[in-house]
Structures are given as structure tokens and as C-alpha cells.
Amino acid sequence: MIIPSNLYIVSAPSGAGKSSLIKALLNNQQLYNIQLSISHTTRTMRPEETNGQHYFFVSVAEFERMISVNAFLEYAKVFGNYYGTARKTIEQILATGVDVLLDIDWQGAQQIRRKIPKTYSIFILPPSKKELNCRLRRRGQDSEEVIARRMAQAVNEMTHLTEYDYLIINDDFNTALLDLKTIIQAERLRLECQKIYYKVLINKLMVD
């Protein structure tokens, strides 16, 4: 029995805590029956990352070849690097009844919605610009120039939050995580899903 699966987009400016929230959610993967889509990228792999686990790291030439054969549901160039979601990856996971999370920006979200209208989108905001700046600095990964550029980019990204279905403010991490879990659980409780999951029970209850 395969329950109808859902596709979720999660977007946020850098430093809003999106990756940490997604990681915490996936620690309950069996409970929520959800999987993170692995994107392709041309950016340099960081020391703590593994190819095929965090991203599929490919050359610019290979990425552009995939664009030419329409292999991506969405792709964008961010800070000089390509990022994209392979169509085959998403279709294979959804076919098994497992929900899929897409960790992408607003540009990718717009592309996905055009191709897959039934998509639930979630935008995550920091509690303030000051806190966002502090979080970027605490990561210790970027230069002052990059941090300034990310802060400027964040303002532009946040103007697109009205395009999303759900909004989470990541002030207190545990509260934000509960909000994210609640969204996933609520969609699983939709009548469309419950009728399939509890088909036998419903049929028995309907018998005189």
C-alpha cells in the first residue's frame, strides 16, 4: 500500500537555520517517512562534505550538459555556482510513497511550482538582521566580503516569502522544529492520505 507522497520546498536566507532544522527533522525520518533530495552543484566540496550525501558535485561542463537534455526540474546560479534538482531523483522517491524535501532557494521554488503545482512550500526567517549576521559569523566559513554579500542577498530573498504556503520564524530552535514537524504531520493527516492508510478500518466502520 503506497500512501500519496508530498513534495516540500524549504527556503531561507543563508544563516536562518534551515539546514539545522532539516537535519533535526530527518533524525525522525522513520516517523515522518521523509527524505531529503540530493542536489547537483558545481561549487567546491567543503572538508566536512561527502559526494552523493550532501550534494552531487559535478563540473560546470557536466552540469550544463544536464541542462541541455532537460535533466533538471529546477536549477539556478547562486554566488557563481550552479545548483539543480534532477527530475529523475524526485520522481523515483515520490513513486515509493515517501515525502521529499527540497532545500532550494526562491528561484528554484518558482521553477518547481510551474512543473509540479501540487507542492507545499515553507519559508524560514531569522528573528532579526542582527541575529542573522551573528549566525553567519559564528559559522566561521566566510570572509567579511562574503558575509556582506550574503546579508544583502538575504534582503532580496526575504521579499519572496509571500510566494510560500508556510512561514516559520526560527528564533527558538525547538519551537521552529516543532512548527516544521507540524506542517509535515498535518499534510499526512489529509483525508486523501488517511482514506488509503485506514481503508480497512473505514470499510469496517461503515458496515451496519
Protein backbone atom coordinates (compact mmCIF):
# COMPACT_ATOMS: atom_id res chain seq x y z
CA MET A 1 0.00 0.00 0.00
CA ILE A 2 1.56 3.28 -1.15
CA ILE A 3 0.33 6.47 0.53
CA PRO A 4 0.27 9.54 -1.75
CA SER A 5 3.53 11.37 -1.15
CA ASN A 6 4.18 15.08 -0.88
CA LEU A 7 6.89 17.34 -2.23
CA TYR A 8 8.07 20.09 0.13
CA ILE A 9 10.20 23.11 -0.70
CA VAL A 10 12.13 24.67 2.18
CA SER A 11 13.80 28.03 1.53
CA ALA A 12 15.57 30.62 3.68
CA PRO A 13 18.37 33.17 3.53
CA SER A 14 21.80 31.85 4.49
CA GLY A 15 22.14 31.73 8.27
CA ALA A 16 18.43 31.40 9.07
CA GLY A 17 18.95 27.85 10.36
CA LYS A 18 17.29 25.96 7.53
CA SER A 19 19.90 23.21 7.28
CA SER A 20 19.89 22.57 11.03
CA LEU A 21 16.09 22.33 11.10
CA ILE A 22 16.04 19.92 8.17
CA LYS A 23 18.74 17.77 9.77
CA ALA A 24 16.79 17.59 13.04
CA LEU A 25 13.60 16.68 11.18
CA LEU A 26 15.35 13.89 9.29
CA ASN A 27 16.52 12.38 12.57
CA ASN A 28 12.86 11.29 12.82
CA GLN A 29 12.86 10.01 9.24
CA GLN A 30 11.03 6.77 10.07
CA LEU A 31 8.33 8.65 11.94
CA TYR A 32 7.75 11.16 9.17
CA ASN A 33 8.63 8.92 6.19
CA ILE A 34 10.51 11.73 4.50
CA GLN A 35 13.74 12.06 2.56
CA LEU A 36 15.94 14.98 1.55
CA SER A 37 16.59 15.31 -2.15
CA ILE A 38 20.28 15.50 -3.00
CA SER A 39 21.02 18.32 -5.42
CA HIS A 40 23.74 18.67 -8.04
CA THR A 41 26.17 21.55 -7.70
CA THR A 42 29.32 22.93 -9.29
CA ARG A 43 30.63 24.56 -6.12
CA THR A 44 33.75 23.24 -4.39
CA MET A 45 33.17 20.46 -1.88
CA ARG A 46 33.84 21.52 1.72
CA PRO A 47 36.07 19.39 4.01
CA GLU A 48 33.13 18.02 6.03
CA GLU A 49 31.05 17.10 2.95
CA THR A 50 30.73 13.81 1.07
CA ASN A 51 29.86 13.49 -2.60
CA GLY A 52 26.49 11.81 -3.04
CA GLN A 53 25.48 12.51 0.54
CA HIS A 54 25.44 16.30 0.80
CA TYR A 55 25.47 17.09 -2.93
CA PHE A 56 26.41 15.51 -6.21
CA PHE A 57 29.49 17.58 -7.03
CA VAL A 58 29.96 17.91 -10.79
CA SER A 59 31.90 20.09 -13.20
CA VAL A 60 30.40 23.11 -14.94
CA ALA A 61 30.59 21.23 -18.24
CA GLU A 62 28.65 18.25 -16.85
CA PHE A 63 26.03 20.48 -15.25
CA GLU A 64 25.49 22.37 -18.49
CA ARG A 65 25.21 19.07 -20.37
CA MET A 66 22.41 18.03 -18.00
CA ILE A 67 20.67 21.36 -18.61
CA SER A 68 20.81 20.73 -22.34
CA VAL A 69 18.98 17.39 -22.00
CA ASN A 70 16.33 18.81 -19.62
CA ALA A 71 17.53 16.67 -16.71
CA PHE A 72 16.62 19.23 -14.04
CA LEU A 73 13.28 20.14 -12.50
CA GLU A 74 14.96 23.35 -11.41
CA TYR A 75 18.36 24.91 -11.43
CA ALA A 76 19.92 28.27 -10.63
CA LYS A 77 23.26 30.02 -10.42
CA VAL A 78 23.90 31.31 -6.90
CA PHE A 79 27.09 33.14 -5.87
CA GLY A 80 28.74 31.98 -9.10
CA ASN A 81 27.87 28.29 -8.71
CA TYR A 82 25.16 26.13 -10.28
CA TYR A 83 22.65 24.22 -8.13
CA GLY A 84 19.98 21.91 -9.53
CA THR A 85 17.43 19.22 -8.70
CA ALA A 86 17.42 16.23 -11.03
CA ARG A 87 13.96 15.26 -12.28
CA LYS A 88 14.72 11.53 -12.07
CA THR A 89 15.75 11.75 -8.41
CA ILE A 90 12.45 13.30 -7.31
CA GLU A 91 10.18 11.11 -9.43
CA GLN A 92 11.77 7.89 -8.17
CA ILE A 93 11.38 8.82 -4.50
CA LEU A 94 7.79 10.09 -4.81
CA ALA A 95 6.79 6.88 -6.61
CA THR A 96 7.61 4.89 -3.45
CA GLY A 97 5.22 6.91 -1.26
CA VAL A 98 8.00 8.74 0.57
CA ASP A 99 7.75 12.51 1.05
CA VAL A 100 10.58 14.59 -0.40
CA LEU A 101 12.18 17.76 0.99
CA LEU A 102 13.81 20.18 -1.42
CA ASP A 103 16.36 22.54 0.13
CA ILE A 104 16.32 25.23 -2.58
CA ASP A 105 16.06 29.00 -3.00
CA TRP A 106 13.12 31.06 -4.29
CA GLN A 107 14.29 30.86 -7.89
CA GLY A 108 14.21 27.07 -7.82
CA ALA A 109 10.89 27.14 -5.98
CA GLN A 110 9.29 29.12 -8.80
CA GLN A 111 10.52 26.60 -11.37
CA ILE A 112 9.28 23.64 -9.33
CA ARG A 113 5.79 25.11 -8.88
CA ARG A 114 5.42 25.56 -12.63
CA LYS A 115 6.28 21.90 -13.26
CA ILE A 116 4.72 20.31 -10.15
CA PRO A 117 1.79 22.51 -8.99
CA LYS A 118 0.99 20.27 -6.02
CA THR A 119 3.99 21.31 -3.98
CA TYR A 120 4.00 22.60 -0.40
CA SER A 121 6.48 25.41 0.26
CA ILE A 122 7.94 26.59 3.57
CA PHE A 123 9.97 29.76 4.15
CA ILE A 124 12.17 30.18 7.23
CA LEU A 125 13.06 33.60 8.61
CA PRO A 126 15.60 34.66 11.26
CA PRO A 127 14.26 36.73 14.19
CA SER A 128 16.27 39.80 13.11
CA LYS A 129 19.00 41.02 10.75
CA LYS A 130 21.37 41.35 13.72
CA GLU A 131 20.89 37.69 14.64
CA LEU A 132 21.29 36.64 11.01
CA ASN A 133 24.62 38.48 10.83
CA CYS A 134 25.77 36.82 14.08
CA ARG A 135 24.87 33.36 12.81
CA LEU A 136 26.80 33.88 9.59
CA ARG A 137 29.86 34.94 11.58
CA ARG A 138 29.60 32.03 14.03
CA ARG A 139 29.87 29.57 11.14
CA GLY A 140 33.42 30.81 10.50
CA GLN A 141 33.26 29.78 6.85
CA ASP A 142 33.08 33.10 5.01
CA SER A 143 35.15 36.25 4.63
CA GLU A 144 33.85 39.70 5.55
CA GLU A 145 33.16 40.35 1.87
CA VAL A 146 31.11 37.17 1.51
CA ILE A 147 29.16 37.87 4.72
CA ALA A 148 28.28 41.36 3.48
CA ARG A 149 27.16 39.90 0.16
CA ARG A 150 25.05 37.24 1.87
CA MET A 151 23.38 39.85 4.08
CA ALA A 152 22.49 41.96 1.04
CA GLN A 153 21.21 38.87 -0.77
CA ALA A 154 19.10 37.91 2.25
CA VAL A 155 17.03 41.06 1.94
CA ASN A 156 16.18 40.21 -1.66
CA GLU A 157 15.39 36.60 -0.80
CA MET A 158 13.06 37.57 2.03
CA THR A 159 10.90 39.66 -0.33
CA HIS A 160 9.76 36.37 -1.90
CA LEU A 161 8.31 34.88 1.30
CA THR A 162 4.74 35.76 0.18
CA GLU A 163 5.08 33.16 -2.58
CA TYR A 164 5.20 30.37 0.01
CA ASP A 165 2.48 28.39 1.78
CA TYR A 166 4.01 28.38 5.26
CA LEU A 167 6.24 30.72 7.26
CA ILE A 168 8.42 29.71 10.22
CA ILE A 169 10.37 32.19 12.39
CA ASN A 170 13.49 30.49 13.69
CA ASP A 171 14.01 32.38 16.93
CA ASP A 172 13.85 29.43 19.33
CA PHE A 173 15.16 26.33 17.53
CA ASN A 174 12.91 23.78 19.27
CA THR A 175 9.80 25.84 18.57
CA ALA A 176 10.77 26.24 14.92
CA LEU A 177 11.42 22.49 14.65
CA LEU A 178 8.01 21.73 16.15
CA ASP A 179 6.44 24.07 13.59
CA LEU A 180 8.18 22.23 10.77
CA LYS A 181 7.13 18.82 12.10
CA THR A 182 3.55 20.04 12.49
CA ILE A 183 3.37 21.07 8.83
CA ILE A 184 4.59 17.66 7.67
CA GLN A 185 2.27 15.79 10.02
CA ALA A 186 -0.77 17.90 9.10
CA GLU A 187 -0.34 17.13 5.40
CA ARG A 188 -0.12 13.42 6.23
CA LEU A 189 -3.46 13.69 8.06
CA ARG A 190 -5.29 14.93 4.98
CA LEU A 191 -8.34 12.86 4.11
CA GLU A 192 -6.77 11.78 0.82
CA CYS A 193 -3.97 10.03 2.69
CA GLN A 194 -5.98 8.77 5.65
CA LYS A 195 -8.59 7.06 3.45
CA ILE A 196 -5.86 4.95 1.91
CA TYR A 197 -3.95 4.25 5.11
CA TYR A 198 -7.07 3.31 7.07
CA LYS A 199 -9.06 1.82 4.20
CA VAL A 200 -9.78 -1.47 6.01
CA LEU A 201 -10.82 0.25 9.23
CA ILE A 202 -13.07 2.74 7.43
CA ASN A 203 -14.79 -0.03 5.48
CA LYS A 204 -15.45 -1.97 8.69
CA LEU A 205 -16.84 1.10 10.42
CA MET A 206 -19.22 1.71 7.55
CA VAL A 207 -20.77 -1.75 7.73
CA ASP A 208 -24.08 -1.95 9.62
